[in-house]
Amino acid sequence: MELNNKKIYSLLGLAVKSRNIVSGEFSTEKAVKSGSAELVLVGEDASDNTKKMFRNMCEFYKVPMRTLGSKEELGHAMGKEERASLAVLDSGFAKSILKYLEEPTQNGGS
């Protein structure tokens, strides 16, 4: 696993502990539509339908959306079963996660 992803998963763990995250399709959708979601993450192995639904919804409500890891990895980072989607509710956590998602991996070019 890439260094950046490890940092992201540990940030997700902290967000769970501070109750700044919701997961699962229904809760994620509710967070986006209510305006409380700062960032939506969808597993890369989520169904095309799920990705398309969240992509369209996040575009409409102007919430950044990214794909990250597998459903299993997202769930594991939260200490739960597989999760296809989750919403980060805190802007600080969202900004930090986006920063790690957007910077190139620092692994010596291997």
Protein backbone atom coordinates (compact mmCIF):
# COMPACT_ATOMS: atom_id res chain seq x y z
CA MET A 1 0.00 0.00 0.00
CA GLU A 2 1.28 3.45 -0.89
CA LEU A 3 2.46 5.78 1.85
CA ASN A 4 -0.18 8.38 1.00
CA ASN A 5 -2.95 5.79 1.25
CA LYS A 6 -1.71 4.73 4.69
CA LYS A 7 -1.92 8.35 5.82
CA ILE A 8 -5.40 8.67 4.35
CA TYR A 9 -6.62 5.50 6.08
CA SER A 10 -5.25 6.68 9.41
CA LEU A 11 -6.99 10.05 8.91
CA LEU A 12 -10.22 8.16 8.20
CA GLY A 13 -9.72 6.23 11.45
CA LEU A 14 -9.33 9.50 13.37
CA ALA A 15 -12.41 10.93 11.64
CA VAL A 16 -14.40 7.86 12.74
CA LYS A 17 -13.26 8.29 16.36
CA SER A 18 -14.28 11.96 16.32
CA ARG A 19 -17.61 11.09 14.68
CA ASN A 20 -16.84 13.08 11.53
CA ILE A 21 -17.63 10.34 9.05
CA VAL A 22 -20.70 8.48 7.84
CA SER A 23 -20.63 5.39 5.64
CA GLY A 24 -22.86 3.28 3.52
CA GLU A 25 -24.89 4.42 0.53
CA PHE A 26 -27.90 5.76 2.43
CA SER A 27 -25.94 7.76 5.03
CA THR A 28 -23.48 9.11 2.46
CA GLU A 29 -26.32 10.25 0.20
CA LYS A 30 -28.09 11.89 3.15
CA ALA A 31 -24.89 13.76 4.14
CA VAL A 32 -24.37 15.05 0.59
CA LYS A 33 -27.97 16.19 0.18
CA SER A 34 -28.10 17.84 3.62
CA GLY A 35 -24.89 19.77 2.89
CA SER A 36 -22.88 18.23 5.72
CA ALA A 37 -20.51 16.20 3.48
CA GLU A 38 -17.13 17.84 2.77
CA LEU A 39 -15.73 14.91 0.78
CA VAL A 40 -17.11 11.64 -0.56
CA LEU A 41 -14.91 8.58 -1.04
CA VAL A 42 -16.09 5.61 -3.10
CA GLY A 43 -14.25 2.30 -3.33
CA GLU A 44 -12.60 1.64 -6.70
CA ASP A 45 -14.37 -1.73 -6.77
CA ALA A 46 -17.82 -0.25 -6.11
CA SER A 47 -20.35 -0.91 -8.86
CA ASP A 48 -20.39 1.42 -11.87
CA ASN A 49 -23.93 2.38 -10.86
CA THR A 50 -22.80 3.45 -7.39
CA LYS A 51 -19.87 5.46 -8.75
CA LYS A 52 -22.09 7.16 -11.35
CA MET A 53 -24.79 7.97 -8.78
CA PHE A 54 -22.29 9.59 -6.39
CA ARG A 55 -20.38 11.33 -9.20
CA ASN A 56 -23.61 12.97 -10.43
CA MET A 57 -24.86 13.77 -6.94
CA CYS A 58 -21.54 15.25 -5.82
CA GLU A 59 -21.27 17.31 -8.98
CA PHE A 60 -24.77 18.71 -8.42
CA TYR A 61 -24.18 19.50 -4.72
CA LYS A 62 -20.57 20.64 -5.37
CA VAL A 63 -18.95 18.11 -3.04
CA PRO A 64 -15.54 16.70 -4.03
CA MET A 65 -15.68 12.96 -4.77
CA ARG A 66 -12.74 10.59 -5.22
CA THR A 67 -12.31 6.86 -5.61
CA LEU A 68 -9.91 5.23 -3.19
CA GLY A 69 -8.84 1.68 -2.51
CA SER A 70 -11.23 -1.23 -2.24
CA LYS A 71 -14.50 -1.48 -0.35
CA GLU A 72 -12.69 -3.77 2.07
CA GLU A 73 -9.91 -1.20 2.68
CA LEU A 74 -12.41 1.62 3.24
CA GLY A 75 -14.37 -0.51 5.70
CA HIS A 76 -11.20 -1.68 7.46
CA ALA A 77 -10.00 1.92 7.90
CA MET A 78 -13.27 2.59 9.72
CA GLY A 79 -13.15 -0.61 11.77
CA LYS A 80 -16.23 -1.98 9.97
CA GLU A 81 -17.25 -4.40 7.23
CA GLU A 82 -16.89 -3.48 3.56
CA ARG A 83 -18.01 0.05 2.73
CA ALA A 84 -18.59 1.12 -0.88
CA SER A 85 -18.95 4.79 0.07
CA LEU A 86 -18.34 7.20 2.91
CA ALA A 87 -18.67 10.91 3.52
CA VAL A 88 -16.20 12.98 5.54
CA LEU A 89 -18.13 15.61 7.51
CA ASP A 90 -15.24 17.73 8.81
CA SER A 91 -13.59 20.24 6.46
CA GLY A 92 -10.18 19.84 8.14
CA PHE A 93 -10.13 16.07 7.62
CA ALA A 94 -11.48 16.51 4.07
CA LYS A 95 -8.74 19.02 3.16
CA SER A 96 -5.99 16.78 4.58
CA ILE A 97 -7.29 13.71 2.75
CA LEU A 98 -7.60 15.62 -0.54
CA LYS A 99 -4.05 16.89 -0.09
CA TYR A 100 -2.73 13.31 0.20
CA LEU A 101 -4.89 12.16 -2.73
CA GLU A 102 -3.59 14.87 -4.99
CA GLU A 103 0.12 14.87 -4.22
CA PRO A 104 2.34 12.44 -6.12
CA THR A 105 3.39 9.36 -4.18
CA GLN A 106 6.75 9.69 -2.52
CA ASN A 107 8.23 6.25 -2.98
CA GLY A 108 11.44 7.02 -4.81
CA GLY A 109 9.91 6.49 -8.25
CA SER A 110 9.54 2.73 -7.93
